[in-house]
N, C-alpha and C. Protein backbone atom coordinates (compact mmCIF):
# COMPACT_ATOMS: atom_id res chain seq x y z
N MET A 1 74.69 17.49 -29.39
CA MET A 1 73.59 17.95 -30.19
C MET A 1 73.91 19.36 -30.68
N SER A 2 73.58 19.63 -31.92
CA SER A 2 73.88 20.92 -32.50
C SER A 2 72.74 21.91 -32.32
N ASP A 3 73.10 23.21 -32.31
CA ASP A 3 72.12 24.29 -32.25
C ASP A 3 71.56 24.61 -33.62
N HIS A 4 72.41 24.53 -34.64
CA HIS A 4 71.96 24.79 -36.00
C HIS A 4 72.81 23.98 -36.97
N VAL A 5 72.30 23.85 -38.19
CA VAL A 5 72.97 23.04 -39.21
C VAL A 5 73.19 23.90 -40.45
N THR A 6 74.37 23.76 -41.04
CA THR A 6 74.64 24.38 -42.33
C THR A 6 74.99 23.29 -43.32
N TRP A 7 74.84 23.59 -44.59
CA TRP A 7 75.20 22.66 -45.65
C TRP A 7 76.50 23.15 -46.25
N GLU A 8 77.52 22.30 -46.18
CA GLU A 8 78.86 22.66 -46.62
C GLU A 8 79.37 21.62 -47.60
N ALA A 9 80.29 22.02 -48.46
CA ALA A 9 80.93 21.06 -49.35
C ALA A 9 81.80 20.13 -48.51
N CYS A 10 81.62 18.82 -48.70
CA CYS A 10 82.42 17.83 -47.99
C CYS A 10 83.89 18.02 -48.37
N LEU A 11 84.77 17.96 -47.38
CA LEU A 11 86.20 18.12 -47.63
C LEU A 11 86.79 16.94 -48.39
N ARG A 12 86.09 15.82 -48.43
CA ARG A 12 86.58 14.63 -49.12
C ARG A 12 86.06 14.52 -50.56
N CYS A 13 84.72 14.62 -50.72
CA CYS A 13 84.13 14.34 -52.04
C CYS A 13 83.47 15.55 -52.70
N GLY A 14 83.26 16.63 -51.95
CA GLY A 14 82.65 17.82 -52.51
C GLY A 14 81.13 17.85 -52.48
N ALA A 15 80.49 16.74 -52.10
CA ALA A 15 79.03 16.71 -52.00
C ALA A 15 78.57 17.61 -50.85
N LEU A 16 77.32 18.05 -50.90
CA LEU A 16 76.79 18.85 -49.79
C LEU A 16 76.61 17.95 -48.58
N ALA A 17 77.19 18.36 -47.47
CA ALA A 17 77.14 17.59 -46.23
C ALA A 17 76.59 18.48 -45.12
N ALA A 18 75.88 17.87 -44.18
CA ALA A 18 75.34 18.61 -43.04
C ALA A 18 76.43 18.77 -41.98
N VAL A 19 76.59 20.01 -41.52
CA VAL A 19 77.52 20.31 -40.44
C VAL A 19 76.71 20.91 -39.31
N GLY A 20 76.72 20.25 -38.15
CA GLY A 20 76.02 20.74 -36.97
C GLY A 20 76.94 21.63 -36.14
N TRP A 21 76.44 22.75 -35.69
CA TRP A 21 77.21 23.73 -34.94
C TRP A 21 76.58 23.95 -33.56
N ALA A 22 77.44 24.22 -32.57
CA ALA A 22 76.96 24.52 -31.23
C ALA A 22 77.99 25.39 -30.52
N PRO A 23 77.55 26.20 -29.56
CA PRO A 23 78.52 26.98 -28.78
C PRO A 23 79.32 26.03 -27.89
N VAL A 24 80.64 26.18 -27.94
CA VAL A 24 81.54 25.31 -27.19
C VAL A 24 82.51 26.17 -26.41
N ILE A 25 82.76 25.79 -25.16
CA ILE A 25 83.75 26.48 -24.33
C ILE A 25 85.07 25.75 -24.49
N ARG A 26 86.08 26.42 -25.05
CA ARG A 26 87.40 25.81 -25.23
C ARG A 26 88.28 26.07 -24.02
N ILE A 27 88.14 27.27 -23.43
CA ILE A 27 88.97 27.65 -22.29
C ILE A 27 88.03 28.12 -21.19
N ILE A 28 88.19 27.57 -20.00
CA ILE A 28 87.33 27.94 -18.88
C ILE A 28 87.42 29.44 -18.64
N GLY A 29 86.28 30.09 -18.55
CA GLY A 29 86.22 31.53 -18.33
C GLY A 29 86.14 32.33 -19.62
N ALA A 30 86.44 31.71 -20.75
CA ALA A 30 86.36 32.40 -22.04
C ALA A 30 84.95 32.25 -22.59
N PRO A 31 84.54 33.16 -23.44
CA PRO A 31 83.20 33.02 -24.03
C PRO A 31 83.13 31.79 -24.94
N ALA A 32 81.95 31.24 -25.07
CA ALA A 32 81.74 30.10 -25.95
C ALA A 32 81.88 30.57 -27.40
N GLU A 33 82.34 29.67 -28.26
CA GLU A 33 82.42 29.97 -29.68
C GLU A 33 81.68 28.87 -30.44
N ASN A 34 81.06 29.25 -31.54
CA ASN A 34 80.37 28.26 -32.36
C ASN A 34 81.40 27.42 -33.09
N ARG A 35 81.24 26.09 -32.93
CA ARG A 35 82.17 25.15 -33.53
C ARG A 35 81.39 23.99 -34.12
N PRO A 36 81.96 23.32 -35.13
CA PRO A 36 81.30 22.13 -35.66
C PRO A 36 81.31 21.01 -34.62
N VAL A 37 80.16 20.39 -34.41
CA VAL A 37 80.05 19.30 -33.44
C VAL A 37 79.50 18.02 -34.05
N GLU A 38 78.99 18.12 -35.28
CA GLU A 38 78.46 16.94 -35.98
C GLU A 38 78.75 17.09 -37.47
N PHE A 39 78.89 15.97 -38.15
CA PHE A 39 79.14 15.97 -39.60
C PHE A 39 78.45 14.76 -40.21
N ASP A 40 77.73 14.99 -41.32
CA ASP A 40 77.07 13.88 -42.00
C ASP A 40 77.11 14.11 -43.50
N CYS A 41 77.94 13.31 -44.19
CA CYS A 41 78.04 13.37 -45.64
C CYS A 41 77.20 12.25 -46.22
N PRO A 42 76.36 12.53 -47.24
CA PRO A 42 75.53 11.48 -47.82
C PRO A 42 76.35 10.37 -48.48
N ALA A 43 77.60 10.66 -48.82
CA ALA A 43 78.47 9.63 -49.41
C ALA A 43 79.16 8.78 -48.35
N GLY A 44 78.97 9.13 -47.07
CA GLY A 44 79.57 8.36 -45.98
C GLY A 44 80.98 8.78 -45.62
N CYS A 45 81.45 9.90 -46.15
CA CYS A 45 82.81 10.36 -45.85
C CYS A 45 82.95 10.65 -44.35
N GLN A 46 84.13 10.39 -43.84
CA GLN A 46 84.46 10.67 -42.44
C GLN A 46 85.41 11.86 -42.39
N VAL A 47 84.99 12.93 -41.73
CA VAL A 47 85.81 14.12 -41.58
C VAL A 47 85.82 14.45 -40.09
N GLY A 48 87.00 14.63 -39.52
CA GLY A 48 87.13 14.93 -38.10
C GLY A 48 86.65 16.34 -37.77
N LEU A 49 86.19 16.52 -36.54
CA LEU A 49 85.68 17.82 -36.12
C LEU A 49 86.78 18.88 -36.12
N ASP A 50 88.00 18.52 -35.73
CA ASP A 50 89.10 19.48 -35.77
C ASP A 50 89.41 19.89 -37.21
N GLU A 51 89.35 18.94 -38.13
CA GLU A 51 89.59 19.24 -39.54
C GLU A 51 88.52 20.21 -40.07
N LEU A 52 87.27 19.98 -39.69
CA LEU A 52 86.19 20.90 -40.08
C LEU A 52 86.42 22.28 -39.49
N ALA A 53 86.78 22.34 -38.22
CA ALA A 53 87.02 23.63 -37.57
C ALA A 53 88.13 24.39 -38.30
N GLN A 54 89.23 23.71 -38.59
CA GLN A 54 90.34 24.36 -39.27
C GLN A 54 89.95 24.82 -40.67
N ALA A 55 89.11 24.08 -41.35
CA ALA A 55 88.64 24.47 -42.68
C ALA A 55 87.79 25.75 -42.62
N HIS A 56 87.23 26.04 -41.45
CA HIS A 56 86.43 27.25 -41.26
C HIS A 56 87.21 28.33 -40.51
N GLY A 57 88.52 28.20 -40.45
CA GLY A 57 89.36 29.22 -39.83
C GLY A 57 89.39 29.20 -38.32
N LEU A 58 88.94 28.10 -37.72
CA LEU A 58 88.95 27.97 -36.26
C LEU A 58 90.12 27.09 -35.85
N PRO A 59 90.68 27.30 -34.66
CA PRO A 59 91.75 26.43 -34.21
C PRO A 59 91.22 25.03 -33.87
N ALA A 60 92.10 24.04 -33.92
CA ALA A 60 91.73 22.69 -33.51
C ALA A 60 91.36 22.72 -32.03
N HIS A 61 90.50 21.80 -31.63
CA HIS A 61 90.01 21.78 -30.25
C HIS A 61 91.11 21.39 -29.27
N HIS A 62 91.89 20.36 -29.57
CA HIS A 62 92.98 19.86 -28.72
C HIS A 62 92.55 19.63 -27.29
N SER A 63 91.51 18.83 -27.10
CA SER A 63 91.04 18.50 -25.76
C SER A 63 92.07 17.65 -25.04
N SER A 64 92.34 17.95 -23.79
CA SER A 64 93.26 17.12 -23.01
C SER A 64 92.57 15.84 -22.55
N ALA A 65 91.24 15.77 -22.71
CA ALA A 65 90.49 14.61 -22.25
C ALA A 65 90.48 13.48 -23.26
N GLY A 66 90.94 13.73 -24.47
CA GLY A 66 90.89 12.68 -25.48
C GLY A 66 91.67 13.03 -26.71
N GLY A 67 91.74 12.11 -27.62
CA GLY A 67 92.51 12.30 -28.83
C GLY A 67 91.62 12.64 -30.00
N PRO A 68 92.09 12.29 -31.20
CA PRO A 68 91.31 12.57 -32.40
C PRO A 68 89.91 11.95 -32.30
N GLY A 69 88.93 12.71 -32.78
CA GLY A 69 87.56 12.23 -32.74
C GLY A 69 86.85 12.53 -31.43
N GLN A 70 87.58 13.02 -30.45
CA GLN A 70 86.97 13.37 -29.16
C GLN A 70 86.05 14.56 -29.37
N ARG A 71 84.84 14.48 -28.89
CA ARG A 71 83.89 15.57 -29.06
C ARG A 71 84.14 16.65 -28.01
N PRO A 72 83.98 17.91 -28.40
CA PRO A 72 84.19 19.01 -27.46
C PRO A 72 83.08 19.06 -26.40
N GLN A 73 83.35 19.76 -25.32
CA GLN A 73 82.38 19.95 -24.24
C GLN A 73 81.38 21.00 -24.66
N ALA A 74 80.10 20.73 -24.53
CA ALA A 74 79.06 21.68 -24.88
C ALA A 74 79.09 22.83 -23.90
N ALA A 75 78.71 24.02 -24.36
CA ALA A 75 78.74 25.22 -23.52
C ALA A 75 77.79 25.13 -22.35
N ASP A 76 76.74 24.28 -22.45
CA ASP A 76 75.79 24.17 -21.35
C ASP A 76 76.27 23.21 -20.26
N GLY A 77 77.47 22.62 -20.47
CA GLY A 77 78.04 21.71 -19.49
C GLY A 77 77.36 20.37 -19.47
N GLY A 78 76.50 20.09 -20.44
CA GLY A 78 75.71 18.88 -20.45
C GLY A 78 76.41 17.67 -21.05
N GLY A 79 77.71 17.69 -21.13
CA GLY A 79 78.44 16.54 -21.67
C GLY A 79 78.82 16.80 -23.11
N PRO A 80 79.23 15.73 -23.79
CA PRO A 80 79.66 15.92 -25.18
C PRO A 80 78.54 16.51 -26.01
N ALA A 81 78.98 17.36 -26.93
CA ALA A 81 78.02 18.06 -27.79
C ALA A 81 77.41 17.12 -28.80
């Protein structure tokens, strides 16, 4: 679940798409950083969370728990964001 939503140009079609953001802990002991955790394009485009992060100047998540499409761990420890 996201903390806030921004409207961004879809990386596929350019339409305004909703991007949900939440604080995520990438490295244990490091501060949480706001990262995209949800994406919804009205045209139905599929964009990966790592691709969205990189488009916003953030590094890819690279979770050891899963591959592409794996959702990051929420900062509150409550499971996938």
